[in-house]
Amino acid sequence: LWGQLCREILLLLGQDYQLLLRRGA
């Protein structure tokens, strides 16, 4: 359960982090 939760949250933050690096593109 912890591994699944940690993976989902890090994936969420990683996607939005990449979006910020692309300046919303």
mmCIF file of all heavy atoms, coordinates in Angstrom:
data_MODEL
# 
_entry.id   MODEL 
# 
loop_
_atom_site.group_PDB 
_atom_site.id 
_atom_site.type_symbol 
_atom_site.label_atom_id 
_atom_site.label_alt_id 
_atom_site.label_comp_id 
_atom_site.label_asym_id 
_atom_site.label_entity_id 
_atom_site.label_seq_id 
_atom_site.pdbx_PDB_ins_code 
_atom_site.Cartn_x 
_atom_site.Cartn_y 
_atom_site.Cartn_z 
_atom_site.occupancy 
_atom_site.B_iso_or_equiv 
_atom_site.pdbx_formal_charge 
_atom_site.auth_seq_id 
_atom_site.auth_comp_id 
_atom_site.auth_asym_id 
_atom_site.auth_atom_id 
_atom_site.pdbx_PDB_model_num 
ATOM 1   N N   . LEU A 1 1  ? 0.828  -1.204 0.000   1.00 0.00 ? 1  LEU A N   1 
ATOM 2   C CA  . LEU A 1 1  ? 0.000  0.000  0.000   1.00 0.00 ? 1  LEU A CA  1 
ATOM 3   C C   . LEU A 1 1  ? 0.863  1.255  0.000   1.00 0.00 ? 1  LEU A C   1 
ATOM 4   O O   . LEU A 1 1  ? 0.587  2.219  -0.735  1.00 0.00 ? 1  LEU A O   1 
ATOM 5   C CB  . LEU A 1 1  ? -0.929 -0.014 1.213   1.00 0.00 ? 1  LEU A CB  1 
ATOM 6   C CG  . LEU A 1 1  ? -2.028 -1.087 1.222   1.00 0.00 ? 1  LEU A CG  1 
ATOM 7   C CD1 . LEU A 1 1  ? -2.859 -0.980 2.494   1.00 0.00 ? 1  LEU A CD1 1 
ATOM 8   C CD2 . LEU A 1 1  ? -2.916 -0.948 -0.002  1.00 0.00 ? 1  LEU A CD2 1 
ATOM 9   N N   . TRP A 1 2  ? 1.921  1.261  0.822   1.00 0.00 ? 2  TRP A N   1 
ATOM 10  C CA  . TRP A 1 2  ? 2.793  2.436  0.833   1.00 0.00 ? 2  TRP A CA  1 
ATOM 11  C C   . TRP A 1 2  ? 3.502  2.609  -0.510  1.00 0.00 ? 2  TRP A C   1 
ATOM 12  O O   . TRP A 1 2  ? 3.625  3.726  -1.030  1.00 0.00 ? 2  TRP A O   1 
ATOM 13  C CB  . TRP A 1 2  ? 3.828  2.331  1.954   1.00 0.00 ? 2  TRP A CB  1 
ATOM 14  C CG  . TRP A 1 2  ? 4.986  3.251  1.733   1.00 0.00 ? 2  TRP A CG  1 
ATOM 15  C CD1 . TRP A 1 2  ? 6.239  2.929  1.330   1.00 0.00 ? 2  TRP A CD1 1 
ATOM 16  C CD2 . TRP A 1 2  ? 4.974  4.679  1.847   1.00 0.00 ? 2  TRP A CD2 1 
ATOM 17  N NE1 . TRP A 1 2  ? 7.025  4.034  1.197   1.00 0.00 ? 2  TRP A NE1 1 
ATOM 18  C CE2 . TRP A 1 2  ? 6.274  5.129  1.519   1.00 0.00 ? 2  TRP A CE2 1 
ATOM 19  C CE3 . TRP A 1 2  ? 4.017  5.610  2.207   1.00 0.00 ? 2  TRP A CE3 1 
ATOM 20  C CZ2 . TRP A 1 2  ? 6.619  6.469  1.527   1.00 0.00 ? 2  TRP A CZ2 1 
ATOM 21  C CZ3 . TRP A 1 2  ? 4.351  6.953  2.219   1.00 0.00 ? 2  TRP A CZ3 1 
ATOM 22  C CH2 . TRP A 1 2  ? 5.632  7.378  1.890   1.00 0.00 ? 2  TRP A CH2 1 
ATOM 23  N N   . GLY A 1 3  ? 3.994  1.503  -1.091  1.00 0.00 ? 3  GLY A N   1 
ATOM 24  C CA  . GLY A 1 3  ? 4.675  1.598  -2.371  1.00 0.00 ? 3  GLY A CA  1 
ATOM 25  C C   . GLY A 1 3  ? 3.761  2.129  -3.469  1.00 0.00 ? 3  GLY A C   1 
ATOM 26  O O   . GLY A 1 3  ? 4.183  2.954  -4.290  1.00 0.00 ? 3  GLY A O   1 
ATOM 27  N N   . GLN A 1 4  ? 2.513  1.673  -3.475  1.00 0.00 ? 4  GLN A N   1 
ATOM 28  C CA  . GLN A 1 4  ? 1.573  2.163  -4.476  1.00 0.00 ? 4  GLN A CA  1 
ATOM 29  C C   . GLN A 1 4  ? 1.260  3.646  -4.269  1.00 0.00 ? 4  GLN A C   1 
ATOM 30  O O   . GLN A 1 4  ? 1.218  4.428  -5.226  1.00 0.00 ? 4  GLN A O   1 
ATOM 31  C CB  . GLN A 1 4  ? 0.285  1.338  -4.419  1.00 0.00 ? 4  GLN A CB  1 
ATOM 32  C CG  . GLN A 1 4  ? -0.781 1.739  -5.414  1.00 0.00 ? 4  GLN A CG  1 
ATOM 33  C CD  . GLN A 1 4  ? -0.395 1.413  -6.847  1.00 0.00 ? 4  GLN A CD  1 
ATOM 34  O OE1 . GLN A 1 4  ? 0.545  0.656  -7.075  1.00 0.00 ? 4  GLN A OE1 1 
ATOM 35  N NE2 . GLN A 1 4  ? -1.105 1.990  -7.804  1.00 0.00 ? 4  GLN A NE2 1 
ATOM 36  N N   . LEU A 1 5  ? 1.046  4.039  -3.007  1.00 0.00 ? 5  LEU A N   1 
ATOM 37  C CA  . LEU A 1 5  ? 0.738  5.440  -2.712  1.00 0.00 ? 5  LEU A CA  1 
ATOM 38  C C   . LEU A 1 5  ? 1.919  6.345  -3.058  1.00 0.00 ? 5  LEU A C   1 
ATOM 39  O O   . LEU A 1 5  ? 1.742  7.410  -3.686  1.00 0.00 ? 5  LEU A O   1 
ATOM 40  C CB  . LEU A 1 5  ? 0.368  5.583  -1.238  1.00 0.00 ? 5  LEU A CB  1 
ATOM 41  C CG  . LEU A 1 5  ? 0.083  7.002  -0.744  1.00 0.00 ? 5  LEU A CG  1 
ATOM 42  C CD1 . LEU A 1 5  ? -1.127 7.582  -1.462  1.00 0.00 ? 5  LEU A CD1 1 
ATOM 43  C CD2 . LEU A 1 5  ? -0.117 7.019  0.765   1.00 0.00 ? 5  LEU A CD2 1 
ATOM 44  N N   . CYS A 1 6  ? 3.118  5.945  -2.657  1.00 0.00 ? 6  CYS A N   1 
ATOM 45  C CA  . CYS A 1 6  ? 4.310  6.760  -2.947  1.00 0.00 ? 6  CYS A CA  1 
ATOM 46  C C   . CYS A 1 6  ? 4.521  6.889  -4.448  1.00 0.00 ? 6  CYS A C   1 
ATOM 47  O O   . CYS A 1 6  ? 4.846  7.973  -4.953  1.00 0.00 ? 6  CYS A O   1 
ATOM 48  C CB  . CYS A 1 6  ? 5.522  6.129  -2.271  1.00 0.00 ? 6  CYS A CB  1 
ATOM 49  S SG  . CYS A 1 6  ? 7.057  7.041  -2.527  1.00 0.00 ? 6  CYS A SG  1 
ATOM 50  N N   . ARG A 1 7  ? 4.322  5.801  -5.172  1.00 0.00 ? 7  ARG A N   1 
ATOM 51  C CA  . ARG A 1 7  ? 4.515  5.841  -6.624  1.00 0.00 ? 7  ARG A CA  1 
ATOM 52  C C   . ARG A 1 7  ? 3.514  6.785  -7.283  1.00 0.00 ? 7  ARG A C   1 
ATOM 53  O O   . ARG A 1 7  ? 3.872  7.598  -8.151  1.00 0.00 ? 7  ARG A O   1 
ATOM 54  C CB  . ARG A 1 7  ? 4.364  4.434  -7.188  1.00 0.00 ? 7  ARG A CB  1 
ATOM 55  C CG  . ARG A 1 7  ? 4.454  4.362  -8.702  1.00 0.00 ? 7  ARG A CG  1 
ATOM 56  C CD  . ARG A 1 7  ? 4.293  2.935  -9.200  1.00 0.00 ? 7  ARG A CD  1 
ATOM 57  N NE  . ARG A 1 7  ? 4.320  2.878  -10.657 1.00 0.00 ? 7  ARG A NE  1 
ATOM 58  C CZ  . ARG A 1 7  ? 3.250  3.065  -11.432 1.00 0.00 ? 7  ARG A CZ  1 
ATOM 59  N NH1 . ARG A 1 7  ? 2.076  3.321  -10.867 1.00 0.00 ? 7  ARG A NH1 1 
ATOM 60  N NH2 . ARG A 1 7  ? 3.367  3.005  -12.744 1.00 0.00 ? 7  ARG A NH2 1 
ATOM 61  N N   . GLU A 1 8  ? 2.245  6.730  -6.888  1.00 0.00 ? 8  GLU A N   1 
ATOM 62  C CA  . GLU A 1 8  ? 1.224  7.576  -7.504  1.00 0.00 ? 8  GLU A CA  1 
ATOM 63  C C   . GLU A 1 8  ? 1.478  9.054  -7.217  1.00 0.00 ? 8  GLU A C   1 
ATOM 64  O O   . GLU A 1 8  ? 1.332  9.902  -8.104  1.00 0.00 ? 8  GLU A O   1 
ATOM 65  C CB  . GLU A 1 8  ? -0.167 7.169  -6.996  1.00 0.00 ? 8  GLU A CB  1 
ATOM 66  C CG  . GLU A 1 8  ? -0.630 5.811  -7.465  1.00 0.00 ? 8  GLU A CG  1 
ATOM 67  C CD  . GLU A 1 8  ? -0.844 5.748  -8.965  1.00 0.00 ? 8  GLU A CD  1 
ATOM 68  O OE1 . GLU A 1 8  ? -1.104 6.815  -9.570  1.00 0.00 ? 8  GLU A OE1 1 
ATOM 69  O OE2 . GLU A 1 8  ? -0.726 4.657  -9.540  1.00 0.00 ? 8  GLU A OE2 1 
ATOM 70  N N   . ILE A 1 9  ? 1.877  9.375  -5.984  1.00 0.00 ? 9  ILE A N   1 
ATOM 71  C CA  . ILE A 1 9  ? 2.125  10.778 -5.646  1.00 0.00 ? 9  ILE A CA  1 
ATOM 72  C C   . ILE A 1 9  ? 3.356  11.297 -6.381  1.00 0.00 ? 9  ILE A C   1 
ATOM 73  O O   . ILE A 1 9  ? 3.360  12.425 -6.908  1.00 0.00 ? 9  ILE A O   1 
ATOM 74  C CB  . ILE A 1 9  ? 2.267  10.945 -4.125  1.00 0.00 ? 9  ILE A CB  1 
ATOM 75  C CG1 . ILE A 1 9  ? 0.933  10.640 -3.429  1.00 0.00 ? 9  ILE A CG1 1 
ATOM 76  C CG2 . ILE A 1 9  ? 2.723  12.354 -3.777  1.00 0.00 ? 9  ILE A CG2 1 
ATOM 77  C CD1 . ILE A 1 9  ? 0.982  10.776 -1.933  1.00 0.00 ? 9  ILE A CD1 1 
ATOM 78  N N   . LEU A 1 10 ? 4.410  10.500 -6.451  1.00 0.00 ? 10 LEU A N   1 
ATOM 79  C CA  . LEU A 1 10 ? 5.612  10.947 -7.155  1.00 0.00 ? 10 LEU A CA  1 
ATOM 80  C C   . LEU A 1 10 ? 5.355  11.078 -8.657  1.00 0.00 ? 10 LEU A C   1 
ATOM 81  O O   . LEU A 1 10 ? 5.900  11.982 -9.305  1.00 0.00 ? 10 LEU A O   1 
ATOM 82  C CB  . LEU A 1 10 ? 6.759  9.970  -6.894  1.00 0.00 ? 10 LEU A CB  1 
ATOM 83  C CG  . LEU A 1 10 ? 7.327  9.984  -5.468  1.00 0.00 ? 10 LEU A CG  1 
ATOM 84  C CD1 . LEU A 1 10 ? 8.466  8.984  -5.333  1.00 0.00 ? 10 LEU A CD1 1 
ATOM 85  C CD2 . LEU A 1 10 ? 7.803  11.378 -5.069  1.00 0.00 ? 10 LEU A CD2 1 
ATOM 86  N N   . LEU A 1 11 ? 4.542  10.188 -9.222  1.00 0.00 ? 11 LEU A N   1 
ATOM 87  C CA  . LEU A 1 11 ? 4.186  10.340 -10.630 1.00 0.00 ? 11 LEU A CA  1 
ATOM 88  C C   . LEU A 1 11 ? 3.396  11.625 -10.864 1.00 0.00 ? 11 LEU A C   1 
ATOM 89  O O   . LEU A 1 11 ? 3.618  12.342 -11.852 1.00 0.00 ? 11 LEU A O   1 
ATOM 90  C CB  . LEU A 1 11 ? 3.361  9.129  -11.093 1.00 0.00 ? 11 LEU A CB  1 
ATOM 91  C CG  . LEU A 1 11 ? 4.127  7.853  -11.433 1.00 0.00 ? 11 LEU A CG  1 
ATOM 92  C CD1 . LEU A 1 11 ? 3.159  6.736  -11.796 1.00 0.00 ? 11 LEU A CD1 1 
ATOM 93  C CD2 . LEU A 1 11 ? 5.112  8.089  -12.557 1.00 0.00 ? 11 LEU A CD2 1 
ATOM 94  N N   . LEU A 1 12 ? 2.475  11.928 -9.951  1.00 0.00 ? 12 LEU A N   1 
ATOM 95  C CA  . LEU A 1 12 ? 1.699  13.163 -10.068 1.00 0.00 ? 12 LEU A CA  1 
ATOM 96  C C   . LEU A 1 12 ? 2.601  14.390 -10.010 1.00 0.00 ? 12 LEU A C   1 
ATOM 97  O O   . LEU A 1 12 ? 2.507  15.294 -10.856 1.00 0.00 ? 12 LEU A O   1 
ATOM 98  C CB  . LEU A 1 12 ? 0.649  13.207 -8.945  1.00 0.00 ? 12 LEU A CB  1 
ATOM 99  C CG  . LEU A 1 12 ? -0.141 14.508 -8.797  1.00 0.00 ? 12 LEU A CG  1 
ATOM 100 C CD1 . LEU A 1 12 ? -1.030 14.728 -10.007 1.00 0.00 ? 12 LEU A CD1 1 
ATOM 101 C CD2 . LEU A 1 12 ? -0.975 14.478 -7.519  1.00 0.00 ? 12 LEU A CD2 1 
ATOM 102 N N   . LEU A 1 13 ? 3.498  14.412 -9.022  1.00 0.00 ? 13 LEU A N   1 
ATOM 103 C CA  . LEU A 1 13 ? 4.411  15.547 -8.906  1.00 0.00 ? 13 LEU A CA  1 
ATOM 104 C C   . LEU A 1 13 ? 5.391  15.610 -10.077 1.00 0.00 ? 13 LEU A C   1 
ATOM 105 O O   . LEU A 1 13 ? 5.750  16.701 -10.532 1.00 0.00 ? 13 LEU A O   1 
ATOM 106 C CB  . LEU A 1 13 ? 5.181  15.456 -7.580  1.00 0.00 ? 13 LEU A CB  1 
ATOM 107 C CG  . LEU A 1 13 ? 4.335  15.534 -6.304  1.00 0.00 ? 13 LEU A CG  1 
ATOM 108 C CD1 . LEU A 1 13 ? 5.226  15.390 -5.073  1.00 0.00 ? 13 LEU A CD1 1 
ATOM 109 C CD2 . LEU A 1 13 ? 3.569  16.840 -6.246  1.00 0.00 ? 13 LEU A CD2 1 
ATOM 110 N N   . GLY A 1 14 ? 5.813  14.439 -10.568 1.00 0.00 ? 14 GLY A N   1 
ATOM 111 C CA  . GLY A 1 14 ? 6.735  14.431 -11.695 1.00 0.00 ? 14 GLY A CA  1 
ATOM 112 C C   . GLY A 1 14 ? 6.114  14.971 -12.972 1.00 0.00 ? 14 GLY A C   1 
ATOM 113 O O   . GLY A 1 14 ? 6.757  15.712 -13.717 1.00 0.00 ? 14 GLY A O   1 
ATOM 114 N N   . GLN A 1 15 ? 4.855  14.629 -13.218 1.00 0.00 ? 15 GLN A N   1 
ATOM 115 C CA  . GLN A 1 15 ? 4.179  15.157 -14.401 1.00 0.00 ? 15 GLN A CA  1 
ATOM 116 C C   . GLN A 1 15 ? 4.033  16.671 -14.333 1.00 0.00 ? 15 GLN A C   1 
ATOM 117 O O   . GLN A 1 15 ? 4.300  17.380 -15.319 1.00 0.00 ? 15 GLN A O   1 
ATOM 118 C CB  . GLN A 1 15 ? 2.807  14.494 -14.540 1.00 0.00 ? 15 GLN A CB  1 
ATOM 119 C CG  . GLN A 1 15 ? 2.872  13.011 -14.873 1.00 0.00 ? 15 GLN A CG  1 
ATOM 120 C CD  . GLN A 1 15 ? 1.500  12.356 -14.826 1.00 0.00 ? 15 GLN A CD  1 
ATOM 121 O OE1 . GLN A 1 15 ? 0.485  13.001 -14.526 1.00 0.00 ? 15 GLN A OE1 1 
ATOM 122 N NE2 . GLN A 1 15 ? 1.456  11.062 -15.088 1.00 0.00 ? 15 GLN A NE2 1 
ATOM 123 N N   . ASP A 1 16 ? 3.640  17.181 -13.182 1.00 0.00 ? 16 ASP A N   1 
ATOM 124 C CA  . ASP A 1 16 ? 3.486  18.632 -13.055 1.00 0.00 ? 16 ASP A CA  1 
ATOM 125 C C   . ASP A 1 16 ? 4.840  19.339 -13.020 1.00 0.00 ? 16 ASP A C   1 
ATOM 126 O O   . ASP A 1 16 ? 4.948  20.501 -13.449 1.00 0.00 ? 16 ASP A O   1 
ATOM 127 C CB  . ASP A 1 16 ? 2.689  18.956 -11.790 1.00 0.00 ? 16 ASP A CB  1 
ATOM 128 C CG  . ASP A 1 16 ? 1.255  18.455 -11.882 1.00 0.00 ? 16 ASP A CG  1 
ATOM 129 O OD1 . ASP A 1 16 ? 0.792  18.183 -13.005 1.00 0.00 ? 16 ASP A OD1 1 
ATOM 130 O OD2 . ASP A 1 16 ? 0.592  18.321 -10.839 1.00 0.00 ? 16 ASP A OD2 1 
ATOM 131 N N   . TYR A 1 17 ? 5.865  18.676 -12.536 1.00 0.00 ? 17 TYR A N   1 
ATOM 132 C CA  . TYR A 1 17 ? 7.215  19.235 -12.575 1.00 0.00 ? 17 TYR A CA  1 
ATOM 133 C C   . TYR A 1 17 ? 7.708  19.368 -14.020 1.00 0.00 ? 17 TYR A C   1 
ATOM 134 O O   . TYR A 1 17 ? 8.265  20.410 -14.415 1.00 0.00 ? 17 TYR A O   1 
ATOM 135 C CB  . TYR A 1 17 ? 8.152  18.342 -11.761 1.00 0.00 ? 17 TYR A CB  1 
ATOM 136 C CG  . TYR A 1 17 ? 9.618  18.645 -11.921 1.00 0.00 ? 17 TYR A CG  1 
ATOM 137 C CD1 . TYR A 1 17 ? 10.176 19.800 -11.389 1.00 0.00 ? 17 TYR A CD1 1 
ATOM 138 C CD2 . TYR A 1 17 ? 10.455 17.754 -12.601 1.00 0.00 ? 17 TYR A CD2 1 
ATOM 139 C CE1 . TYR A 1 17 ? 11.537 20.077 -11.542 1.00 0.00 ? 17 TYR A CE1 1 
ATOM 140 C CE2 . TYR A 1 17 ? 11.810 18.017 -12.743 1.00 0.00 ? 17 TYR A CE2 1 
ATOM 141 C CZ  . TYR A 1 17 ? 12.343 19.183 -12.217 1.00 0.00 ? 17 TYR A CZ  1 
ATOM 142 O OH  . TYR A 1 17 ? 13.680 19.444 -12.364 1.00 0.00 ? 17 TYR A OH  1 
ATOM 143 N N   . GLN A 1 18 ? 7.474  18.342 -14.828 1.00 0.00 ? 18 GLN A N   1 
ATOM 144 C CA  . GLN A 1 18 ? 7.852  18.419 -16.232 1.00 0.00 ? 18 GLN A CA  1 
ATOM 145 C C   . GLN A 1 18 ? 7.048  19.492 -16.965 1.00 0.00 ? 18 GLN A C   1 
ATOM 146 O O   . GLN A 1 18 ? 7.577  20.189 -17.845 1.00 0.00 ? 18 GLN A O   1 
ATOM 147 C CB  . GLN A 1 18 ? 7.635  17.060 -16.903 1.00 0.00 ? 18 GLN A CB  1 
ATOM 148 C CG  . GLN A 1 18 ? 8.539  15.961 -16.394 1.00 0.00 ? 18 GLN A CG  1 
ATOM 149 C CD  . GLN A 1 18 ? 9.996  16.227 -16.740 1.00 0.00 ? 18 GLN A CD  1 
ATOM 150 O OE1 . GLN A 1 18 ? 10.308 16.883 -17.730 1.00 0.00 ? 18 GLN A OE1 1 
ATOM 151 N NE2 . GLN A 1 18 ? 10.903 15.695 -15.908 1.00 0.00 ? 18 GLN A NE2 1 
ATOM 152 N N   . LEU A 1 19 ? 5.775  19.654 -16.610 1.00 0.00 ? 19 LEU A N   1 
ATOM 153 C CA  . LEU A 1 19 ? 4.960  20.706 -17.220 1.00 0.00 ? 19 LEU A CA  1 
ATOM 154 C C   . LEU A 1 19 ? 5.505  22.087 -16.877 1.00 0.00 ? 19 LEU A C   1 
ATOM 155 O O   . LEU A 1 19 ? 5.505  22.994 -17.718 1.00 0.00 ? 19 LEU A O   1 
ATOM 156 C CB  . LEU A 1 19 ? 3.511  20.575 -16.743 1.00 0.00 ? 19 LEU A CB  1 
ATOM 157 C CG  . LEU A 1 19 ? 2.508  21.572 -17.328 1.00 0.00 ? 19 LEU A CG  1 
ATOM 158 C CD1 . LEU A 1 19 ? 2.382  21.389 -18.833 1.00 0.00 ? 19 LEU A CD1 1 
ATOM 159 C CD2 . LEU A 1 19 ? 1.148  21.421 -16.660 1.00 0.00 ? 19 LEU A CD2 1 
ATOM 160 N N   . LEU A 1 20 ? 5.987  22.259 -15.653 1.00 0.00 ? 20 LEU A N   1 
ATOM 161 C CA  . LEU A 1 20 ? 6.582  23.537 -15.271 1.00 0.00 ? 20 LEU A CA  1 
ATOM 162 C C   . LEU A 1 20 ? 7.865  23.793 -16.035 1.00 0.00 ? 20 LEU A C   1 
ATOM 163 O O   . LEU A 1 20 ? 8.133  24.924 -16.475 1.00 0.00 ? 20 LEU A O   1 
ATOM 164 C CB  . LEU A 1 20 ? 6.841  23.551 -13.760 1.00 0.00 ? 20 LEU A CB  1 
ATOM 165 C CG  . LEU A 1 20 ? 7.555  24.780 -13.205 1.00 0.00 ? 20 LEU A CG  1 
ATOM 166 C CD1 . LEU A 1 20 ? 6.728  26.039 -13.426 1.00 0.00 ? 20 LEU A CD1 1 
ATOM 167 C CD2 . LEU A 1 20 ? 7.874  24.599 -11.727 1.00 0.00 ? 20 LEU A CD2 1 
ATOM 168 N N   . LEU A 1 21 ? 8.680  22.760 -16.225 1.00 0.00 ? 21 LEU A N   1 
ATOM 169 C CA  . LEU A 1 21 ? 9.920  22.930 -16.989 1.00 0.00 ? 21 LEU A CA  1 
ATOM 170 C C   . LEU A 1 21 ? 9.636  23.303 -18.437 1.00 0.00 ? 21 LEU A C   1 
ATOM 171 O O   . LEU A 1 21 ? 10.393 24.061 -19.052 1.00 0.00 ? 21 LEU A O   1 
ATOM 172 C CB  . LEU A 1 21 ? 10.755 21.654 -16.933 1.00 0.00 ? 21 LEU A CB  1 
ATOM 173 C CG  . LEU A 1 21 ? 11.323 21.258 -15.563 1.00 0.00 ? 21 LEU A CG  1 
ATOM 174 C CD1 . LEU A 1 21 ? 12.155 20.000 -15.690 1.00 0.00 ? 21 LEU A CD1 1 
ATOM 175 C CD2 . LEU A 1 21 ? 12.153 22.382 -14.955 1.00 0.00 ? 21 LEU A CD2 1 
ATOM 176 N N   . ARG A 1 22 ? 8.525  22.797 -18.989 1.00 0.00 ? 22 ARG A N   1 
ATOM 177 C CA  . ARG A 1 22 ? 8.159  23.139 -20.364 1.00 0.00 ? 22 ARG A CA  1 
ATOM 178 C C   . ARG A 1 22 ? 7.384  24.455 -20.431 1.00 0.00 ? 22 ARG A C   1 
ATOM 179 O O   . ARG A 1 22 ? 6.962  24.867 -21.518 1.00 0.00 ? 22 ARG A O   1 
ATOM 180 C CB  . ARG A 1 22 ? 7.296  22.026 -20.968 1.00 0.00 ? 22 ARG A CB  1 
ATOM 181 C CG  . ARG A 1 22 ? 7.986  20.688 -21.090 1.00 0.00 ? 22 ARG A CG  1 
ATOM 182 C CD  . ARG A 1 22 ? 7.178  19.754 -21.977 1.00 0.00 ? 22 ARG A CD  1 
ATOM 183 N NE  . ARG A 1 22 ? 5.814  19.592 -21.504 1.00 0.00 ? 22 ARG A NE  1 
ATOM 184 C CZ  . ARG A 1 22 ? 5.405  18.630 -20.687 1.00 0.00 ? 22 ARG A CZ  1 
ATOM 185 N NH1 . ARG A 1 22 ? 6.271  17.735 -20.248 1.00 0.00 ? 22 ARG A NH1 1 
ATOM 186 N NH2 . ARG A 1 22 ? 4.152  18.544 -20.299 1.00 0.00 ? 22 ARG A NH2 1 
ATOM 187 N N   . ARG A 1 23 ? 7.193  25.114 -19.275 1.00 0.00 ? 23 ARG A N   1 
ATOM 188 C CA  . ARG A 1 23 ? 6.452  26.381 -19.192 1.00 0.00 ? 23 ARG A CA  1 
ATOM 189 C C   . ARG A 1 23 ? 5.030  26.242 -19.749 1.00 0.00 ? 23 ARG A C   1 
ATOM 190 O O   . ARG A 1 23 ? 4.529  27.083 -20.466 1.00 0.00 ? 23 ARG A O   1 
ATOM 191 C CB  . ARG A 1 23 ? 7.195  27.485 -19.929 1.00 0.00 ? 23 ARG A CB  1 
ATOM 192 C CG  . ARG A 1 23 ? 8.566  27.807 -19.342 1.00 0.00 ? 23 ARG A CG  1 
ATOM 193 C CD  . ARG A 1 23 ? 8.434  28.333 -17.920 1.00 0.00 ? 23 ARG A CD  1 
ATOM 194 N NE  . ARG A 1 23 ? 9.716  28.759 -17.363 1.00 0.00 ? 23 ARG A NE  1 
ATOM 195 C CZ  . ARG A 1 23 ? 10.456 28.013 -16.522 1.00 0.00 ? 23 ARG A CZ  1 
ATOM 196 N NH1 . ARG A 1 23 ? 10.027 26.813 -16.171 1.00 0.00 ? 23 ARG A NH1 1 
ATOM 197 N NH2 . ARG A 1 23 ? 11.588 28.475 -16.049 1.00 0.00 ? 23 ARG A NH2 1 
ATOM 198 N N   . GLY A 1 24 ? 4.390  25.124 -19.375 1.00 0.00 ? 24 GLY A N   1 
ATOM 199 C CA  . GLY A 1 24 ? 3.000  24.913 -19.737 1.00 0.00 ? 24 GLY A CA  1 
ATOM 200 C C   . GLY A 1 24 ? 2.778  24.381 -21.129 1.00 0.00 ? 24 GLY A C   1 
ATOM 201 O O   . GLY A 1 24 ? 1.623  24.197 -21.529 1.00 0.00 ? 24 GLY A O   1 
ATOM 202 N N   . ALA A 1 25 ? 3.838  24.123 -21.893 1.00 0.00 ? 25 ALA A N   1 
ATOM 203 C CA  . ALA A 1 25 ? 3.677  23.635 -23.260 1.00 0.00 ? 25 ALA A CA  1 
ATOM 204 C C   . ALA A 1 25 ? 3.379  22.143 -23.256 1.00 0.00 ? 25 ALA A C   1 
ATOM 205 O O   . ALA A 1 25 ? 3.643  21.429 -22.279 1.00 0.00 ? 25 ALA A O   1 
ATOM 206 C CB  . ALA A 1 25 ? 4.940  23.916 -24.074 1.00 0.00 ? 25 ALA A CB  1 
# 
